[in-house]
Structure formats: C-alpha cells, structure tokens
Amino acid sequence: KGMLQGDLGAGKTSLVGAILQHLGSSDVVSSPTFSLVNEYQAPFGYVYHFDLYRINGVEELYDFGFEEYFRPDSLVIIEWPEIARDLLSDEHTLLKLSYAPEGGRYVEVLENGLFSSGEL
C-alpha cells in the first residue's frame, strides 16, 4: 500500500502517473476525486488509485467495498488516507509531498508504523 499526503496541487496524482509509468503501465492517470477510485492495468495486475478527499466517514468506505481492493495481485495507492486510518494496517509506505521554497517539490518517504505513531 502507498499513502500520499500533501496539500491540494502538491503533485499527488502526478506522482501516481510517474509510478505507473515506472511499473510499465501505459494507462493515462487522472484524479479520482469524484469517482473515488481509478483502476489501472500494470504488468503484475491492477493498481487502484483512491482519492478520499470527499469521503465524510469510514461508513462510506464500507459502503463501496473499500477492503475488497486490497488483494495480493494489486497495488493500492491512497490520497488523503487519514479517513481510512482505522481500516489500514501499519504495513505501508507514506509519501509526504510539500512545496520546496525554491520551486519544485519535496517528497518525504516514511515506511511502516506511521499510523501507530499518530503522525497522520
């Protein structure tokens, strides 16, 4: 699982596009802000790209079967993962995107255990 945090416009969806390209996918990436999840094909299986910005509570995640996307043959990438905190294990990588003062972006990579540390 990959979790992405960053302000609006920080480049989360662009980063997902770069990840998919690196994985060998030729799919065009778009923000799933209104659809909640976009599905992409990769050589190993599927990549599910969630944007939980518009989710109001964990109940909404249960309603559309959020847990069913976590399968061994898939990669799940979640923008705005805070709302799903109680449904996610600590086994993930969190990428925090922020603006660099000189332009461009910083990416901070934090692996495993972040949810239990309370930083989200």
C-alpha atoms as a PDB file:
ATOM      1  CA  LYS A   1       0.000   0.000   0.000  1.00  0.00           C
ATOM      2  CA  GLY A   2       1.102   3.507  -0.725  1.00  0.00           C
ATOM      3  CA  MET A   3      -0.309   6.517   1.078  1.00  0.00           C
ATOM      4  CA  LEU A   4       0.063  10.040  -0.266  1.00  0.00           C
ATOM      5  CA  GLN A   5      -0.247  13.204   1.789  1.00  0.00           C
ATOM      6  CA  GLY A   6       0.124  16.756   0.588  1.00  0.00           C
ATOM      7  CA  ASP A   7      -1.784  19.949   0.042  1.00  0.00           C
ATOM      8  CA  LEU A   8      -4.106  20.354  -2.928  1.00  0.00           C
ATOM      9  CA  GLY A   9      -1.960  20.744  -6.017  1.00  0.00           C
ATOM     10  CA  ALA A  10       1.159  19.279  -4.387  1.00  0.00           C
ATOM     11  CA  GLY A  11       1.518  16.686  -7.145  1.00  0.00           C
ATOM     12  CA  LYS A  12      -0.013  13.527  -5.668  1.00  0.00           C
ATOM     13  CA  THR A  13      -1.802  12.472  -8.864  1.00  0.00           C
ATOM     14  CA  SER A  14       1.232  13.370 -10.977  1.00  0.00           C
ATOM     15  CA  LEU A  15       3.331  11.146  -8.734  1.00  0.00           C
ATOM     16  CA  VAL A  16       0.870   8.275  -9.264  1.00  0.00           C
ATOM     17  CA  GLY A  17       1.322   8.769 -13.021  1.00  0.00           C
ATOM     18  CA  ALA A  18       5.100   8.550 -12.657  1.00  0.00           C
ATOM     19  CA  ILE A  19       4.799   5.407 -10.515  1.00  0.00           C
ATOM     20  CA  LEU A  20       2.552   3.746 -13.098  1.00  0.00           C
ATOM     21  CA  GLN A  21       4.909   4.673 -15.919  1.00  0.00           C
ATOM     22  CA  HIS A  22       7.820   3.207 -13.946  1.00  0.00           C
ATOM     23  CA  LEU A  23       5.802  -0.003 -13.424  1.00  0.00           C
ATOM     24  CA  GLY A  24       5.345  -0.308 -17.191  1.00  0.00           C
ATOM     25  CA  SER A  25       1.738   0.832 -17.468  1.00  0.00           C
ATOM     26  CA  SER A  26       0.684   2.951 -20.428  1.00  0.00           C
ATOM     27  CA  ASP A  27      -2.625   3.973 -18.823  1.00  0.00           C
ATOM     28  CA  VAL A  28      -3.427   7.685 -18.590  1.00  0.00           C
ATOM     29  CA  VAL A  29      -3.731   8.785 -14.975  1.00  0.00           C
ATOM     30  CA  SER A  30      -6.397  11.195 -13.775  1.00  0.00           C
ATOM     31  CA  SER A  31      -7.522  12.303 -10.348  1.00  0.00           C
ATOM     32  CA  PRO A  32     -10.198  10.079  -8.821  1.00  0.00           C
ATOM     33  CA  THR A  33     -11.568  12.962  -6.734  1.00  0.00           C
ATOM     34  CA  PHE A  34     -15.160  12.404  -7.861  1.00  0.00           C
ATOM     35  CA  SER A  35     -15.052   8.702  -8.771  1.00  0.00           C
ATOM     36  CA  LEU A  36     -13.167   7.875  -5.514  1.00  0.00           C
ATOM     37  CA  VAL A  37     -11.101   5.151  -7.221  1.00  0.00           C
ATOM     38  CA  ASN A  38      -9.446   4.714 -10.610  1.00  0.00           C
ATOM     39  CA  GLU A  39      -8.252   1.338 -11.825  1.00  0.00           C
ATOM     40  CA  TYR A  40      -5.118   0.953 -13.935  1.00  0.00           C
ATOM     41  CA  GLN A  41      -3.519  -2.093 -15.548  1.00  0.00           C
ATOM     42  CA  ALA A  42       0.088  -2.925 -14.691  1.00  0.00           C
ATOM     43  CA  PRO A  43       2.182  -5.928 -15.787  1.00  0.00           C
ATOM     44  CA  PHE A  44       1.653  -7.636 -12.395  1.00  0.00           C
ATOM     45  CA  GLY A  45      -2.076  -6.938 -12.075  1.00  0.00           C
ATOM     46  CA  TYR A  46      -4.054  -3.861 -11.101  1.00  0.00           C
ATOM     47  CA  VAL A  47      -3.241  -0.543  -9.473  1.00  0.00           C
ATOM     48  CA  TYR A  48      -6.120   1.046  -7.554  1.00  0.00           C
ATOM     49  CA  HIS A  49      -5.754   4.787  -7.034  1.00  0.00           C
ATOM     50  CA  PHE A  50      -8.050   6.217  -4.346  1.00  0.00           C
ATOM     51  CA  ASP A  51      -8.726   9.846  -3.519  1.00  0.00           C
ATOM     52  CA  LEU A  52     -10.537  10.016  -0.173  1.00  0.00           C
ATOM     53  CA  TYR A  53     -10.707  13.828  -0.018  1.00  0.00           C
ATOM     54  CA  ARG A  54     -14.510  13.873  -0.402  1.00  0.00           C
ATOM     55  CA  ILE A  55     -15.221  10.953   1.972  1.00  0.00           C
ATOM     56  CA  ASN A  56     -17.045  12.046   5.128  1.00  0.00           C
ATOM     57  CA  GLY A  57     -16.582   8.939   7.257  1.00  0.00           C
ATOM     58  CA  VAL A  58     -15.441   5.370   7.428  1.00  0.00           C
ATOM     59  CA  GLU A  59     -19.014   4.186   6.802  1.00  0.00           C
ATOM     60  CA  GLU A  60     -18.776   5.460   3.225  1.00  0.00           C
ATOM     61  CA  LEU A  61     -15.681   3.316   2.706  1.00  0.00           C
ATOM     62  CA  TYR A  62     -17.545   0.229   3.890  1.00  0.00           C
ATOM     63  CA  ASP A  63     -20.468   1.094   1.596  1.00  0.00           C
ATOM     64  CA  PHE A  64     -18.400   0.881  -1.583  1.00  0.00           C
ATOM     65  CA  GLY A  65     -16.315  -2.147  -0.573  1.00  0.00           C
ATOM     66  CA  PHE A  66     -13.009  -0.401   0.140  1.00  0.00           C
ATOM     67  CA  GLU A  67     -11.454  -3.502   1.763  1.00  0.00           C
ATOM     68  CA  GLU A  68     -12.064  -5.631  -1.336  1.00  0.00           C
ATOM     69  CA  TYR A  69      -9.411  -3.731  -3.315  1.00  0.00           C
ATOM     70  CA  PHE A  70      -6.580  -4.985  -1.079  1.00  0.00           C
ATOM     71  CA  ARG A  71      -5.519  -8.172  -2.874  1.00  0.00           C
ATOM     72  CA  PRO A  72      -2.127  -9.843  -3.361  1.00  0.00           C
ATOM     73  CA  ASP A  73      -2.173  -9.133  -7.120  1.00  0.00           C
ATOM     74  CA  SER A  74      -2.807  -5.410  -6.752  1.00  0.00           C
ATOM     75  CA  LEU A  75      -1.158  -2.208  -5.602  1.00  0.00           C
ATOM     76  CA  VAL A  76      -3.327   0.279  -3.711  1.00  0.00           C
ATOM     77  CA  ILE A  77      -2.346   3.957  -3.633  1.00  0.00           C
ATOM     78  CA  ILE A  78      -4.419   6.284  -1.445  1.00  0.00           C
ATOM     79  CA  GLU A  79      -4.518  10.071  -1.482  1.00  0.00           C
ATOM     80  CA  TRP A  80      -5.829  11.623   1.751  1.00  0.00           C
ATOM     81  CA  PRO A  81      -5.534   8.346   3.741  1.00  0.00           C
ATOM     82  CA  GLU A  82      -6.391   9.882   7.113  1.00  0.00           C
ATOM     83  CA  ILE A  83     -10.085   8.989   6.861  1.00  0.00           C
ATOM     84  CA  ALA A  84      -9.237   5.294   6.386  1.00  0.00           C
ATOM     85  CA  ARG A  85      -6.799   5.117   9.301  1.00  0.00           C
ATOM     86  CA  ASP A  86      -8.844   2.528  11.227  1.00  0.00           C
ATOM     87  CA  LEU A  87      -9.135   0.239   8.184  1.00  0.00           C
ATOM     88  CA  LEU A  88      -5.456   0.206   7.260  1.00  0.00           C
ATOM     89  CA  SER A  89      -2.593  -1.784   8.691  1.00  0.00           C
ATOM     90  CA  ASP A  90       0.763  -0.254   9.522  1.00  0.00           C
ATOM     91  CA  GLU A  91       2.329  -2.087   6.574  1.00  0.00           C
ATOM     92  CA  HIS A  92       2.553   0.716   4.055  1.00  0.00           C
ATOM     93  CA  THR A  93       4.742   3.454   2.704  1.00  0.00           C
ATOM     94  CA  LEU A  94       3.679   7.050   3.217  1.00  0.00           C
ATOM     95  CA  LEU A  95       4.901   9.740   0.839  1.00  0.00           C
ATOM     96  CA  LYS A  96       4.504  13.295   2.129  1.00  0.00           C
ATOM     97  CA  LEU A  97       4.658  15.875  -0.658  1.00  0.00           C
ATOM     98  CA  SER A  98       5.336  19.515   0.061  1.00  0.00           C
ATOM     99  CA  TYR A  99       6.356  22.597  -1.851  1.00  0.00           C
ATOM    100  CA  ALA A 100      10.058  23.489  -1.946  1.00  0.00           C
ATOM    101  CA  PRO A 101      10.794  27.193  -1.313  1.00  0.00           C
ATOM    102  CA  GLU A 102      12.910  27.380  -4.484  1.00  0.00           C
ATOM    103  CA  GLY A 103      10.194  25.728  -6.580  1.00  0.00           C
ATOM    104  CA  GLY A 104       9.541  22.081  -7.221  1.00  0.00           C
ATOM    105  CA  ARG A 105       8.516  19.593  -4.542  1.00  0.00           C
ATOM    106  CA  TYR A 106       9.945  17.709  -1.599  1.00  0.00           C
ATOM    107  CA  VAL A 107       8.988  14.079  -1.072  1.00  0.00           C
ATOM    108  CA  GLU A 108       9.483  12.565   2.369  1.00  0.00           C
ATOM    109  CA  VAL A 109       9.283   8.754   2.490  1.00  0.00           C
ATOM    110  CA  LEU A 110       8.101   7.144   5.738  1.00  0.00           C
ATOM    111  CA  GLU A 111       7.726   3.379   5.952  1.00  0.00           C
ATOM    112  CA  ASN A 112       5.658   1.150   8.256  1.00  0.00           C
ATOM    113  CA  GLY A 113       4.271   2.094  11.619  1.00  0.00           C
ATOM    114  CA  LEU A 114       3.295   5.659  10.815  1.00  0.00           C
ATOM    115  CA  PHE A 115      -0.367   5.197  11.734  1.00  0.00           C
ATOM    116  CA  SER A 116       0.545   3.875  15.186  1.00  0.00           C
ATOM    117  CA  SER A 117       2.867   6.833  15.754  1.00  0.00           C
ATOM    118  CA  GLY A 118      -0.056   9.245  15.486  1.00  0.00           C
ATOM    119  CA  GLU A 119       1.514  11.392  12.761  1.00  0.00           C
ATOM    120  CA  LEU A 120      -1.448  11.057  10.419  1.00  0.00           C
END
